[in-house]
């Protein structure tokens, strides 16, 4: 089973995330030259590949600017939907339905308040990570805008 989540691909490139790794985006290129030395690799990216790649965001930042209240509302809505789907599922499907979203909320058959607490903890960490990434992007953009003057 692959752990790669494709962002963009073509005949000689693959841009992807690794499952559970929100810190990097990976680029595989086939049939192109590269230079490597200690702690450095340089890969020339063909322009047509770059034009495809740059259309895709490297990371989802939808939670970065959410307030605590907005996160709570989101989590409560998601938990209520999970519980409703779980309760409506056929008995033989409940186990599978319970797994959906369990990384963030825990099993769907747990009490609502426990799922909400788990979801708030999970999405607070997601938000913190996204805020760090957003800040790093802003610093790089600021540094690059100074260089281009």
C-alpha atoms as a PDB file:
ATOM      1  CA  UNK A   1       0.000   0.000   0.000  1.00  0.00           C
ATOM      2  CA  UNK A   2       1.426   3.366  -1.024  1.00  0.00           C
ATOM      3  CA  UNK A   3       1.950   6.110   1.506  1.00  0.00           C
ATOM      4  CA  UNK A   4       2.195   8.770  -1.214  1.00  0.00           C
ATOM      5  CA  UNK A   5      -0.595  11.318  -1.660  1.00  0.00           C
ATOM      6  CA  UNK A   6      -0.192  12.692  -5.183  1.00  0.00           C
ATOM      7  CA  UNK A   7      -0.349  16.451  -5.682  1.00  0.00           C
ATOM      8  CA  UNK A   8       0.642  16.456  -9.365  1.00  0.00           C
ATOM      9  CA  UNK A   9       2.189  13.990 -11.774  1.00  0.00           C
ATOM     10  CA  UNK A  10       3.183  13.527 -15.383  1.00  0.00           C
ATOM     11  CA  UNK A  11       5.160  11.127 -17.555  1.00  0.00           C
ATOM     12  CA  UNK A  12       8.483  12.036 -15.919  1.00  0.00           C
ATOM     13  CA  UNK A  13       7.619  13.624 -12.558  1.00  0.00           C
ATOM     14  CA  UNK A  14       5.650  12.995  -9.379  1.00  0.00           C
ATOM     15  CA  UNK A  15       4.981  15.669  -6.749  1.00  0.00           C
ATOM     16  CA  UNK A  16       3.504  14.221  -3.552  1.00  0.00           C
ATOM     17  CA  UNK A  17       3.133  14.214   0.230  1.00  0.00           C
ATOM     18  CA  UNK A  18       4.017  11.193   2.321  1.00  0.00           C
ATOM     19  CA  UNK A  19       1.193  10.068   4.584  1.00  0.00           C
ATOM     20  CA  UNK A  20       1.379  11.681   8.021  1.00  0.00           C
ATOM     21  CA  UNK A  21       4.253  13.975   6.932  1.00  0.00           C
ATOM     22  CA  UNK A  22       3.039  17.559   6.727  1.00  0.00           C
ATOM     23  CA  UNK A  23       6.539  19.052   6.763  1.00  0.00           C
ATOM     24  CA  UNK A  24       7.674  18.131   3.258  1.00  0.00           C
ATOM     25  CA  UNK A  25       6.519  17.892  -0.318  1.00  0.00           C
ATOM     26  CA  UNK A  26       8.470  15.385  -2.388  1.00  0.00           C
ATOM     27  CA  UNK A  27       9.404  15.646  -6.046  1.00  0.00           C
ATOM     28  CA  UNK A  28      10.573  12.678  -8.091  1.00  0.00           C
ATOM     29  CA  UNK A  29      11.943  13.404 -11.558  1.00  0.00           C
ATOM     30  CA  UNK A  30      12.886  10.734 -14.076  1.00  0.00           C
ATOM     31  CA  UNK A  31      15.270  11.186 -16.963  1.00  0.00           C
ATOM     32  CA  UNK A  32      16.807  14.461 -15.811  1.00  0.00           C
ATOM     33  CA  UNK A  33      20.267  15.355 -14.658  1.00  0.00           C
ATOM     34  CA  UNK A  34      21.128  16.315 -11.094  1.00  0.00           C
ATOM     35  CA  UNK A  35      24.081  17.336  -8.993  1.00  0.00           C
ATOM     36  CA  UNK A  36      24.679  16.022  -5.509  1.00  0.00           C
ATOM     37  CA  UNK A  37      27.255  16.828  -2.885  1.00  0.00           C
ATOM     38  CA  UNK A  38      27.401  16.654   0.884  1.00  0.00           C
ATOM     39  CA  UNK A  39      24.088  17.928   2.304  1.00  0.00           C
ATOM     40  CA  UNK A  40      22.921  19.311  -1.059  1.00  0.00           C
ATOM     41  CA  UNK A  41      21.169  18.148  -4.202  1.00  0.00           C
ATOM     42  CA  UNK A  42      20.304  20.250  -7.241  1.00  0.00           C
ATOM     43  CA  UNK A  43      17.695  19.062  -9.709  1.00  0.00           C
ATOM     44  CA  UNK A  44      16.870  21.205 -12.728  1.00  0.00           C
ATOM     45  CA  UNK A  45      13.086  21.131 -13.088  1.00  0.00           C
ATOM     46  CA  UNK A  46      11.887  21.319 -16.693  1.00  0.00           C
ATOM     47  CA  UNK A  47       9.720  24.402 -17.273  1.00  0.00           C
ATOM     48  CA  UNK A  48       6.686  22.406 -18.423  1.00  0.00           C
ATOM     49  CA  UNK A  49       6.865  20.329 -15.224  1.00  0.00           C
ATOM     50  CA  UNK A  50       7.201  23.475 -13.108  1.00  0.00           C
ATOM     51  CA  UNK A  51       4.152  25.043 -14.779  1.00  0.00           C
ATOM     52  CA  UNK A  52       2.061  22.008 -13.816  1.00  0.00           C
ATOM     53  CA  UNK A  53       3.464  21.800 -10.285  1.00  0.00           C
ATOM     54  CA  UNK A  54       2.987  25.453  -9.388  1.00  0.00           C
ATOM     55  CA  UNK A  55      -0.776  25.196  -9.865  1.00  0.00           C
ATOM     56  CA  UNK A  56      -1.052  23.026  -6.740  1.00  0.00           C
ATOM     57  CA  UNK A  57      -0.727  24.136  -3.125  1.00  0.00           C
ATOM     58  CA  UNK A  58       1.995  22.386  -1.171  1.00  0.00           C
ATOM     59  CA  UNK A  59      -0.100  22.249   2.002  1.00  0.00           C
ATOM     60  CA  UNK A  60      -3.655  22.805   3.132  1.00  0.00           C
ATOM     61  CA  UNK A  61      -3.703  25.919   5.354  1.00  0.00           C
ATOM     62  CA  UNK A  62      -7.452  26.062   5.984  1.00  0.00           C
ATOM     63  CA  UNK A  63      -7.114  25.886   9.781  1.00  0.00           C
ATOM     64  CA  UNK A  64      -4.222  28.342  10.212  1.00  0.00           C
ATOM     65  CA  UNK A  65      -6.428  31.393  10.781  1.00  0.00           C
ATOM     66  CA  UNK A  66      -9.286  29.732  12.636  1.00  0.00           C
ATOM     67  CA  UNK A  67     -10.080  30.940  16.153  1.00  0.00           C
ATOM     68  CA  UNK A  68     -10.599  28.561  19.059  1.00  0.00           C
ATOM     69  CA  UNK A  69     -14.350  29.088  18.695  1.00  0.00           C
ATOM     70  CA  UNK A  70     -14.279  28.325  14.967  1.00  0.00           C
ATOM     71  CA  UNK A  71     -12.287  25.140  15.635  1.00  0.00           C
ATOM     72  CA  UNK A  72     -14.780  24.084  18.319  1.00  0.00           C
ATOM     73  CA  UNK A  73     -17.735  24.703  15.970  1.00  0.00           C
ATOM     74  CA  UNK A  74     -16.028  22.732  13.198  1.00  0.00           C
ATOM     75  CA  UNK A  75     -15.193  19.819  15.522  1.00  0.00           C
ATOM     76  CA  UNK A  76     -18.693  19.712  17.015  1.00  0.00           C
ATOM     77  CA  UNK A  77     -20.245  19.675  13.534  1.00  0.00           C
ATOM     78  CA  UNK A  78     -17.925  16.875  12.380  1.00  0.00           C
ATOM     79  CA  UNK A  79     -18.541  14.813  15.528  1.00  0.00           C
ATOM     80  CA  UNK A  80     -22.313  15.208  15.218  1.00  0.00           C
ATOM     81  CA  UNK A  81     -22.113  14.074  11.568  1.00  0.00           C
ATOM     82  CA  UNK A  82     -19.939  11.086  12.547  1.00  0.00           C
ATOM     83  CA  UNK A  83     -22.333  10.027  15.295  1.00  0.00           C
ATOM     84  CA  UNK A  84     -25.343  10.362  12.979  1.00  0.00           C
ATOM     85  CA  UNK A  85     -23.658   8.285  10.231  1.00  0.00           C
ATOM     86  CA  UNK A  86     -22.598   5.687  12.788  1.00  0.00           C
ATOM     87  CA  UNK A  87     -26.083   5.395  14.247  1.00  0.00           C
ATOM     88  CA  UNK A  88     -27.654   5.111  10.780  1.00  0.00           C
ATOM     89  CA  UNK A  89     -25.182   2.489   9.563  1.00  0.00           C
ATOM     90  CA  UNK A  90     -26.160  -1.145   9.275  1.00  0.00           C
ATOM     91  CA  UNK A  91     -24.823  -3.252  12.146  1.00  0.00           C
ATOM     92  CA  UNK A  92     -22.275  -5.026   9.948  1.00  0.00           C
ATOM     93  CA  UNK A  93     -20.939  -1.662   8.674  1.00  0.00           C
ATOM     94  CA  UNK A  94     -20.641   0.116  12.026  1.00  0.00           C
ATOM     95  CA  UNK A  95     -17.033  -0.986  12.572  1.00  0.00           C
ATOM     96  CA  UNK A  96     -15.926   0.477   9.262  1.00  0.00           C
ATOM     97  CA  UNK A  97     -17.977   3.664   9.725  1.00  0.00           C
ATOM     98  CA  UNK A  98     -16.454   4.095  13.196  1.00  0.00           C
ATOM     99  CA  UNK A  99     -12.951   4.124  11.694  1.00  0.00           C
ATOM    100  CA  UNK A 100     -13.646   7.121   9.436  1.00  0.00           C
ATOM    101  CA  UNK A 101     -12.080  10.139  11.130  1.00  0.00           C
ATOM    102  CA  UNK A 102     -10.802   8.098  14.053  1.00  0.00           C
ATOM    103  CA  UNK A 103      -7.305   9.603  13.826  1.00  0.00           C
ATOM    104  CA  UNK A 104      -8.747  12.984  14.751  1.00  0.00           C
ATOM    105  CA  UNK A 105     -11.742  12.067  16.895  1.00  0.00           C
ATOM    106  CA  UNK A 106     -11.316   8.496  18.093  1.00  0.00           C
ATOM    107  CA  UNK A 107     -13.927   5.815  17.385  1.00  0.00           C
ATOM    108  CA  UNK A 108     -17.408   7.074  16.460  1.00  0.00           C
ATOM    109  CA  UNK A 109     -19.000   4.954  19.178  1.00  0.00           C
ATOM    110  CA  UNK A 110     -17.257   6.913  21.947  1.00  0.00           C
ATOM    111  CA  UNK A 111     -19.234   9.562  23.857  1.00  0.00           C
ATOM    112  CA  UNK A 112     -19.729  12.865  22.010  1.00  0.00           C
ATOM    113  CA  UNK A 113     -17.756  14.929  24.546  1.00  0.00           C
ATOM    114  CA  UNK A 114     -14.766  12.567  24.344  1.00  0.00           C
ATOM    115  CA  UNK A 115     -14.762  12.802  20.532  1.00  0.00           C
ATOM    116  CA  UNK A 116     -15.027  16.601  20.731  1.00  0.00           C
ATOM    117  CA  UNK A 117     -12.123  16.805  23.187  1.00  0.00           C
ATOM    118  CA  UNK A 118      -9.988  14.556  20.976  1.00  0.00           C
ATOM    119  CA  UNK A 119     -10.942  16.565  17.880  1.00  0.00           C
ATOM    120  CA  UNK A 120     -10.117  19.894  19.501  1.00  0.00           C
ATOM    121  CA  UNK A 121      -6.745  18.570  20.639  1.00  0.00           C
ATOM    122  CA  UNK A 122      -6.018  17.194  17.154  1.00  0.00           C
ATOM    123  CA  UNK A 123      -7.096  20.276  15.197  1.00  0.00           C
ATOM    124  CA  UNK A 124      -5.338  22.631  17.618  1.00  0.00           C
ATOM    125  CA  UNK A 125      -2.096  20.821  16.766  1.00  0.00           C
ATOM    126  CA  UNK A 126      -2.950  20.955  13.050  1.00  0.00           C
ATOM    127  CA  UNK A 127      -3.611  24.706  13.353  1.00  0.00           C
ATOM    128  CA  UNK A 128      -0.311  25.285  15.184  1.00  0.00           C
ATOM    129  CA  UNK A 129       1.581  23.426  12.485  1.00  0.00           C
ATOM    130  CA  UNK A 130      -0.193  25.323   9.709  1.00  0.00           C
ATOM    131  CA  UNK A 131       0.552  28.634  11.455  1.00  0.00           C
ATOM    132  CA  UNK A 132       4.253  27.716  11.593  1.00  0.00           C
ATOM    133  CA  UNK A 133       4.241  26.840   7.899  1.00  0.00           C
ATOM    134  CA  UNK A 134       2.367  30.036   7.035  1.00  0.00           C
ATOM    135  CA  UNK A 135       4.890  32.086   9.025  1.00  0.00           C
ATOM    136  CA  UNK A 136       7.810  30.376   7.271  1.00  0.00           C
ATOM    137  CA  UNK A 137       6.195  31.094   3.884  1.00  0.00           C
ATOM    138  CA  UNK A 138       5.713  34.758   4.807  1.00  0.00           C
ATOM    139  CA  UNK A 139       9.364  35.067   5.891  1.00  0.00           C
ATOM    140  CA  UNK A 140      10.569  33.546   2.631  1.00  0.00           C
ATOM    141  CA  UNK A 141       8.281  35.782   0.589  1.00  0.00           C
ATOM    142  CA  UNK A 142       9.477  38.835   2.484  1.00  0.00           C
ATOM    143  CA  UNK A 143      13.124  37.870   1.978  1.00  0.00           C
ATOM    144  CA  UNK A 144      12.525  37.277  -1.728  1.00  0.00           C
ATOM    145  CA  UNK A 145      10.670  40.564  -2.183  1.00  0.00           C
ATOM    146  CA  UNK A 146      13.661  42.424  -0.666  1.00  0.00           C
ATOM    147  CA  UNK A 147      16.000  40.678  -3.117  1.00  0.00           C
ATOM    148  CA  UNK A 148      13.917  41.599  -6.147  1.00  0.00           C
ATOM    149  CA  UNK A 149      14.025  45.330  -5.418  1.00  0.00           C
END
